[in-house]
Structures are given as structure tokens and as C-alpha cells.
Amino acid sequence: MSPNLPERHAPASMLVRWFKFNFVGAIGIAVQFAALFLLKSVLDFNYLFATAIAVEAAVVHNFVWHEQFTWVDRLKSERDSGSWRGSPSRFLRFNVTTGAVSILGNLALMKVMVGQGHMNYLIANAIAVVLCSLANFLVSDGWVFERPTKQKERRVLAGEAANREGHDLKSRRLKISNDIGFSRWGLRR
């Protein structure tokens, strides 16, 4: 590579991460299909209830592997320190965002394709999974497993906002206290 040309790590890194995401997701699809087949065909659950449980099983599977494989580089400092403190909050964000996209998206698409279109439930499920995956990747990359610098920036901004709020609150208390003092003596400001 020429010394005058900029290095292009970000696009390659994003591409590698996209492949890892899809690899984990493919295994998650197998988990989801197996759970859906077991719940619907073997245990005779309602297809919508079976879909919701199958999607959640895949969400949990995917989260564990995304932390350990897809976004492991962003969690390296946390792991090096032996801390897993961020995992519960990440799992909550992952479950709320990608879980919601997956569950709501899958349920809505299954209702249309199976309930109204009378499509085979496994084919409909495959289509629903594909349609929800891009949104899930973007949310996961941008928020759930965000870069540590973005996390720090957000904490700094939140701290500054809290300081401004605290300052504003003190100003309001002082104003109210002054107003009460002035009104007690019948004075106007």
C-alpha cells in the first residue's frame, strides 16, 4: 500500500462484522426453526405463540455469541478487567431492540403470510427472518454494542446535562426563595 493513500480499515471491519453477524444469525435461525418446529409441530402450540418463544430463544442465543464473537473487540477492555457489568444492560438493549424488531416483525409478517396468505409457516418464517436481519444489525452495531468512545461521549454529555439540570434547579430554588422573601415583606421585584 502506498504511504500516501489512506488506510481503509473501517469498511473492511464493518464487512467482517456483517459476515460474523450473519454467521451467528444463521445458527440463530437454526435455533429458531428447531424451536418453532418443536413447539408447533410436536407440542401443537399456536403458531403465533410458538413463533414468539422461538424468536426469543434465537435472540438469547445470538446475544451470547455476538458478545463472544461478533463484537468481542468492542468489549475487550471490559473482558480484560474481568468485568461483565455491561452484559446485563447490553442484553436488555439487545432484547428490547433486536428482540422487539424480531418478535414484532416476525409476528406481524407471520400473521400476514400464514394467517391471511395461508403460506407454509416455515417458509413464512424464513422470509420474516431475512426481512428483520438488516434492521437488527444496524441497531446492534450502532447502539447495543457501540464503540467505547461513543459510550464515553454519551456519559460525558449525560453528565453535562445533569450538571446543567442541577445548576438550573439551584437557580430555580434561589428564585423561589427570593420571591417568597420579597412577597413576605410586600415587596415586588
C-alpha atoms as a PDB file:
ATOM      1  CA  MET A   1       0.000   0.000   0.000  1.00  0.00           C
ATOM      2  CA  SER A   2       1.280   3.442  -0.875  1.00  0.00           C
ATOM      3  CA  PRO A   3       2.169   5.672   2.104  1.00  0.00           C
ATOM      4  CA  ASN A   4       0.084   8.498   0.591  1.00  0.00           C
ATOM      5  CA  LEU A   5      -3.153   6.517   0.441  1.00  0.00           C
ATOM      6  CA  PRO A   6      -5.438   6.422   3.474  1.00  0.00           C
ATOM      7  CA  GLU A   7      -5.933   3.081   5.152  1.00  0.00           C
ATOM      8  CA  ARG A   8      -9.392   1.596   4.789  1.00  0.00           C
ATOM      9  CA  HIS A   9      -9.928  -0.375   7.980  1.00  0.00           C
ATOM     10  CA  ALA A  10     -13.462   0.758   8.745  1.00  0.00           C
ATOM     11  CA  PRO A  11     -15.233  -0.660   5.669  1.00  0.00           C
ATOM     12  CA  ALA A  12     -13.369  -3.975   5.913  1.00  0.00           C
ATOM     13  CA  SER A  13     -14.067  -4.111   9.632  1.00  0.00           C
ATOM     14  CA  MET A  14     -17.763  -3.443   9.034  1.00  0.00           C
ATOM     15  CA  LEU A  15     -17.830  -6.083   6.297  1.00  0.00           C
ATOM     16  CA  VAL A  16     -16.150  -8.651   8.545  1.00  0.00           C
ATOM     17  CA  ARG A  17     -18.560  -7.779  11.346  1.00  0.00           C
ATOM     18  CA  TRP A  18     -21.512  -8.134   8.916  1.00  0.00           C
ATOM     19  CA  PHE A  19     -20.308 -11.645   7.967  1.00  0.00           C
ATOM     20  CA  LYS A  20     -19.865 -12.576  11.627  1.00  0.00           C
ATOM     21  CA  PHE A  21     -23.331 -11.193  12.390  1.00  0.00           C
ATOM     22  CA  ASN A  22     -24.833 -13.296   9.618  1.00  0.00           C
ATOM     23  CA  PHE A  23     -22.885 -16.398  10.671  1.00  0.00           C
ATOM     24  CA  VAL A  24     -24.223 -16.103  14.223  1.00  0.00           C
ATOM     25  CA  GLY A  25     -27.625 -15.229  12.817  1.00  0.00           C
ATOM     26  CA  ALA A  26     -27.639 -18.328  10.606  1.00  0.00           C
ATOM     27  CA  ILE A  27     -27.071 -20.504  13.650  1.00  0.00           C
ATOM     28  CA  GLY A  28     -29.756 -18.460  15.428  1.00  0.00           C
ATOM     29  CA  ILE A  29     -32.125 -19.198  12.541  1.00  0.00           C
ATOM     30  CA  ALA A  30     -31.473 -22.904  13.067  1.00  0.00           C
ATOM     31  CA  VAL A  31     -32.251 -22.450  16.779  1.00  0.00           C
ATOM     32  CA  GLN A  32     -35.420 -20.526  15.902  1.00  0.00           C
ATOM     33  CA  PHE A  33     -36.563 -23.093  13.289  1.00  0.00           C
ATOM     34  CA  ALA A  34     -35.880 -26.019  15.625  1.00  0.00           C
ATOM     35  CA  ALA A  35     -37.767 -24.342  18.469  1.00  0.00           C
ATOM     36  CA  LEU A  36     -40.637 -23.364  16.160  1.00  0.00           C
ATOM     37  CA  PHE A  37     -40.873 -26.871  14.708  1.00  0.00           C
ATOM     38  CA  LEU A  38     -40.800 -28.463  18.168  1.00  0.00           C
ATOM     39  CA  LEU A  39     -43.379 -26.078  19.632  1.00  0.00           C
ATOM     40  CA  LYS A  40     -45.754 -26.035  16.651  1.00  0.00           C
ATOM     41  CA  SER A  41     -45.482 -29.498  15.107  1.00  0.00           C
ATOM     42  CA  VAL A  42     -44.559 -31.657  18.079  1.00  0.00           C
ATOM     43  CA  LEU A  43     -46.190 -29.855  21.006  1.00  0.00           C
ATOM     44  CA  ASP A  44     -49.060 -28.382  18.913  1.00  0.00           C
ATOM     45  CA  PHE A  45     -48.723 -24.804  20.225  1.00  0.00           C
ATOM     46  CA  ASN A  46     -50.474 -21.968  18.403  1.00  0.00           C
ATOM     47  CA  TYR A  47     -48.187 -20.789  15.573  1.00  0.00           C
ATOM     48  CA  LEU A  48     -48.015 -17.209  16.892  1.00  0.00           C
ATOM     49  CA  PHE A  49     -47.189 -18.276  20.457  1.00  0.00           C
ATOM     50  CA  ALA A  50     -44.654 -20.792  19.125  1.00  0.00           C
ATOM     51  CA  THR A  51     -43.110 -18.072  16.939  1.00  0.00           C
ATOM     52  CA  ALA A  52     -42.692 -15.671  19.886  1.00  0.00           C
ATOM     53  CA  ILE A  53     -40.945 -18.305  22.017  1.00  0.00           C
ATOM     54  CA  ALA A  54     -38.774 -19.482  19.107  1.00  0.00           C
ATOM     55  CA  VAL A  55     -37.690 -15.918  18.326  1.00  0.00           C
ATOM     56  CA  GLU A  56     -36.767 -15.252  21.959  1.00  0.00           C
ATOM     57  CA  ALA A  57     -34.699 -18.465  22.031  1.00  0.00           C
ATOM     58  CA  ALA A  58     -32.817 -17.225  18.959  1.00  0.00           C
ATOM     59  CA  VAL A  59     -32.390 -13.729  20.483  1.00  0.00           C
ATOM     60  CA  VAL A  60     -30.769 -15.161  23.621  1.00  0.00           C
ATOM     61  CA  HIS A  61     -28.525 -17.437  21.537  1.00  0.00           C
ATOM     62  CA  ASN A  62     -27.486 -14.578  19.253  1.00  0.00           C
ATOM     63  CA  PHE A  63     -26.722 -12.198  22.121  1.00  0.00           C
ATOM     64  CA  VAL A  64     -24.337 -14.646  23.768  1.00  0.00           C
ATOM     65  CA  TRP A  65     -22.479 -15.261  20.517  1.00  0.00           C
ATOM     66  CA  HIS A  66     -22.423 -11.609  19.449  1.00  0.00           C
ATOM     67  CA  GLU A  67     -20.733 -10.725  22.749  1.00  0.00           C
ATOM     68  CA  GLN A  68     -18.238 -13.569  22.383  1.00  0.00           C
ATOM     69  CA  PHE A  69     -17.607 -13.358  18.633  1.00  0.00           C
ATOM     70  CA  THR A  70     -19.152 -10.568  16.553  1.00  0.00           C
ATOM     71  CA  TRP A  71     -18.419  -7.548  18.769  1.00  0.00           C
ATOM     72  CA  VAL A  72     -15.752  -9.087  21.016  1.00  0.00           C
ATOM     73  CA  ASP A  73     -13.274  -6.330  20.011  1.00  0.00           C
ATOM     74  CA  ARG A  74     -15.525  -3.620  21.431  1.00  0.00           C
ATOM     75  CA  LEU A  75     -15.819  -5.470  24.731  1.00  0.00           C
ATOM     76  CA  LYS A  76     -12.110  -6.325  25.043  1.00  0.00           C
ATOM     77  CA  SER A  77     -11.273  -3.811  27.796  1.00  0.00           C
ATOM     78  CA  GLU A  78     -14.270  -4.968  29.819  1.00  0.00           C
ATOM     79  CA  ARG A  79     -13.226  -8.606  29.462  1.00  0.00           C
ATOM     80  CA  ASP A  80      -9.564  -7.844  30.202  1.00  0.00           C
ATOM     81  CA  SER A  81     -10.578  -6.309  33.523  1.00  0.00           C
ATOM     82  CA  GLY A  82     -12.633  -9.403  34.362  1.00  0.00           C
ATOM     83  CA  SER A  83     -15.816  -7.376  34.468  1.00  0.00           C
ATOM     84  CA  TRP A  84     -19.127  -8.449  32.967  1.00  0.00           C
ATOM     85  CA  ARG A  85     -21.015  -5.433  34.328  1.00  0.00           C
ATOM     86  CA  GLY A  86     -22.029  -4.221  30.875  1.00  0.00           C
ATOM     87  CA  SER A  87     -23.550  -7.524  29.808  1.00  0.00           C
ATOM     88  CA  PRO A  88     -26.910  -7.205  31.610  1.00  0.00           C
ATOM     89  CA  SER A  89     -27.542  -3.705  30.251  1.00  0.00           C
ATOM     90  CA  ARG A  90     -26.400  -4.777  26.769  1.00  0.00           C
ATOM     91  CA  PHE A  91     -28.669  -7.823  26.965  1.00  0.00           C
ATOM     92  CA  LEU A  92     -31.565  -5.565  27.916  1.00  0.00           C
ATOM     93  CA  ARG A  93     -30.809  -3.211  24.999  1.00  0.00           C
ATOM     94  CA  PHE A  94     -30.348  -6.175  22.655  1.00  0.00           C
ATOM     95  CA  ASN A  95     -33.543  -7.844  23.786  1.00  0.00           C
ATOM     96  CA  VAL A  96     -35.569  -4.636  23.647  1.00  0.00           C
ATOM     97  CA  THR A  97     -34.297  -3.570  20.235  1.00  0.00           C
ATOM     98  CA  THR A  98     -33.436  -6.626  18.199  1.00  0.00           C
ATOM     99  CA  GLY A  99     -35.813  -8.759  20.205  1.00  0.00           C
ATOM    100  CA  ALA A 100     -38.629  -6.327  19.573  1.00  0.00           C
ATOM    101  CA  VAL A 101     -37.783  -5.995  15.880  1.00  0.00           C
ATOM    102  CA  SER A 102     -37.553  -9.768  15.569  1.00  0.00           C
ATOM    103  CA  ILE A 103     -40.605 -10.649  17.622  1.00  0.00           C
ATOM    104  CA  LEU A 104     -42.904  -7.869  16.394  1.00  0.00           C
ATOM    105  CA  GLY A 105     -41.613  -8.125  12.835  1.00  0.00           C
ATOM    106  CA  ASN A 106     -41.909 -11.907  12.799  1.00  0.00           C
ATOM    107  CA  LEU A 107     -45.363 -11.892  14.385  1.00  0.00           C
ATOM    108  CA  ALA A 108     -46.698  -9.240  12.005  1.00  0.00           C
ATOM    109  CA  LEU A 109     -45.217 -10.925   8.949  1.00  0.00           C
ATOM    110  CA  MET A 110     -46.345 -14.392  10.092  1.00  0.00           C
ATOM    111  CA  LYS A 111     -49.872 -13.070  10.699  1.00  0.00           C
ATOM    112  CA  VAL A 112     -49.987 -11.687   7.149  1.00  0.00           C
ATOM    113  CA  MET A 113     -48.203 -14.531   5.361  1.00  0.00           C
ATOM    114  CA  VAL A 114     -49.624 -17.504   7.305  1.00  0.00           C
ATOM    115  CA  GLY A 115     -52.841 -16.132   8.778  1.00  0.00           C
ATOM    116  CA  GLN A 116     -54.033 -14.252   5.716  1.00  0.00           C
ATOM    117  CA  GLY A 117     -51.902 -15.623   2.868  1.00  0.00           C
ATOM    118  CA  HIS A 118     -52.040 -19.280   4.017  1.00  0.00           C
ATOM    119  CA  MET A 119     -48.306 -19.685   3.331  1.00  0.00           C
ATOM    120  CA  ASN A 120     -46.395 -22.571   4.932  1.00  0.00           C
ATOM    121  CA  TYR A 121     -45.301 -21.387   8.384  1.00  0.00           C
ATOM    122  CA  LEU A 122     -41.636 -22.398   7.930  1.00  0.00           C
ATOM    123  CA  ILE A 123     -41.300 -20.595   4.569  1.00  0.00           C
ATOM    124  CA  ALA A 124     -43.039 -17.542   6.015  1.00  0.00           C
ATOM    125  CA  ASN A 125     -40.686 -17.637   8.990  1.00  0.00           C
ATOM    126  CA  ALA A 126     -37.636 -17.714   6.684  1.00  0.00           C
ATOM    127  CA  ILE A 127     -38.884 -14.630   4.838  1.00  0.00           C
ATOM    128  CA  ALA A 128     -39.611 -12.810   8.101  1.00  0.00           C
ATOM    129  CA  VAL A 129     -36.131 -13.546   9.464  1.00  0.00           C
ATOM    130  CA  VAL A 130     -34.425 -12.194   6.346  1.00  0.00           C
ATOM    131  CA  LEU A 131     -36.508  -9.011   6.387  1.00  0.00           C
ATOM    132  CA  CYS A 132     -35.714  -8.280  10.051  1.00  0.00           C
ATOM    133  CA  SER A 133     -31.958  -9.018   9.950  1.00  0.00           C
ATOM    134  CA  LEU A 134     -30.678  -5.776   8.414  1.00  0.00           C
ATOM    135  CA  ALA A 135     -32.511  -3.594  10.932  1.00  0.00           C
ATOM    136  CA  ASN A 136     -31.148  -5.766  13.739  1.00  0.00           C
ATOM    137  CA  PHE A 137     -27.553  -5.424  12.524  1.00  0.00           C
ATOM    138  CA  LEU A 138     -27.769  -1.646  12.289  1.00  0.00           C
ATOM    139  CA  VAL A 139     -29.299  -1.301  15.757  1.00  0.00           C
ATOM    140  CA  SER A 140     -26.792  -3.716  17.287  1.00  0.00           C
ATOM    141  CA  ASP A 141     -23.782  -2.056  15.685  1.00  0.00           C
ATOM    142  CA  GLY A 142     -24.876   1.491  16.431  1.00  0.00           C
ATOM    143  CA  TRP A 143     -26.324   1.160  19.927  1.00  0.00           C
ATOM    144  CA  VAL A 144     -26.219  -2.242  21.643  1.00  0.00           C
ATOM    145  CA  PHE A 145     -22.519  -2.960  21.026  1.00  0.00           C
ATOM    146  CA  GLU A 146     -21.490   0.633  20.369  1.00  0.00           C
ATOM    147  CA  ARG A 147     -17.877   1.699  20.237  1.00  0.00           C
ATOM    148  CA  PRO A 148     -16.394   2.546  23.645  1.00  0.00           C
ATOM    149  CA  THR A 149     -15.717   6.136  22.509  1.00  0.00           C
ATOM    150  CA  LYS A 150     -19.430   6.638  21.817  1.00  0.00           C
ATOM    151  CA  GLN A 151     -20.254   5.259  25.259  1.00  0.00           C
ATOM    152  CA  LYS A 152     -17.841   7.721  26.868  1.00  0.00           C
ATOM    153  CA  GLU A 153     -19.175  10.626  24.806  1.00  0.00           C
ATOM    154  CA  ARG A 154     -22.728   9.794  25.861  1.00  0.00           C
ATOM    155  CA  ARG A 155     -21.718   9.575  29.539  1.00  0.00           C
ATOM    156  CA  VAL A 156     -19.931  12.941  29.298  1.00  0.00           C
ATOM    157  CA  LEU A 157     -22.952  14.523  27.624  1.00  0.00           C
ATOM    158  CA  ALA A 158     -25.271  12.981  30.202  1.00  0.00           C
ATOM    159  CA  GLY A 159     -23.014  14.290  32.987  1.00  0.00           C
ATOM    160  CA  GLU A 160     -23.002  17.771  31.478  1.00  0.00           C
ATOM    161  CA  ALA A 161     -26.788  17.692  31.150  1.00  0.00           C
ATOM    162  CA  ALA A 162     -27.097  16.568  34.768  1.00  0.00           C
ATOM    163  CA  ASN A 163     -24.794  19.388  35.876  1.00  0.00           C
ATOM    164  CA  ARG A 164     -26.851  21.915  33.897  1.00  0.00           C
ATOM    165  CA  GLU A 165     -30.026  20.481  35.380  1.00  0.00           C
ATOM    166  CA  GLY A 166     -28.565  20.693  38.867  1.00  0.00           C
ATOM    167  CA  HIS A 167     -27.473  24.284  38.245  1.00  0.00           C
ATOM    168  CA  ASP A 168     -30.890  25.170  36.831  1.00  0.00           C
ATOM    169  CA  LEU A 169     -32.557  23.546  39.837  1.00  0.00           C
ATOM    170  CA  LYS A 170     -30.404  25.572  42.246  1.00  0.00           C
ATOM    171  CA  SER A 171     -31.241  28.752  40.321  1.00  0.00           C
ATOM    172  CA  ARG A 172     -34.955  27.964  40.476  1.00  0.00           C
ATOM    173  CA  ARG A 173     -34.781  27.260  44.222  1.00  0.00           C
ATOM    174  CA  LEU A 174     -32.951  30.536  44.795  1.00  0.00           C
ATOM    175  CA  LYS A 175     -35.511  32.441  42.703  1.00  0.00           C
ATOM    176  CA  ILE A 176     -38.425  30.844  44.574  1.00  0.00           C
ATOM    177  CA  SER A 177     -36.777  31.560  47.897  1.00  0.00           C
ATOM    178  CA  ASN A 178     -36.167  35.197  46.873  1.00  0.00           C
ATOM    179  CA  ASP A 179     -39.733  35.522  45.604  1.00  0.00           C
ATOM    180  CA  ILE A 180     -41.089  34.215  48.916  1.00  0.00           C
ATOM    181  CA  GLY A 181     -38.852  36.609  50.834  1.00  0.00           C
ATOM    182  CA  PHE A 182     -39.945  39.595  48.748  1.00  0.00           C
ATOM    183  CA  SER A 183     -43.622  38.700  48.940  1.00  0.00           C
ATOM    184  CA  ARG A 184     -43.450  38.181  52.701  1.00  0.00           C
ATOM    185  CA  TRP A 185     -42.491  41.836  53.117  1.00  0.00           C
ATOM    186  CA  GLY A 186     -44.956  43.046  50.494  1.00  0.00           C
ATOM    187  CA  LEU A 187     -42.190  43.993  48.131  1.00  0.00           C
ATOM    188  CA  ARG A 188     -42.158  43.498  44.389  1.00  0.00           C
ATOM    189  CA  ARG A 189     -39.177  42.651  42.296  1.00  0.00           C
END
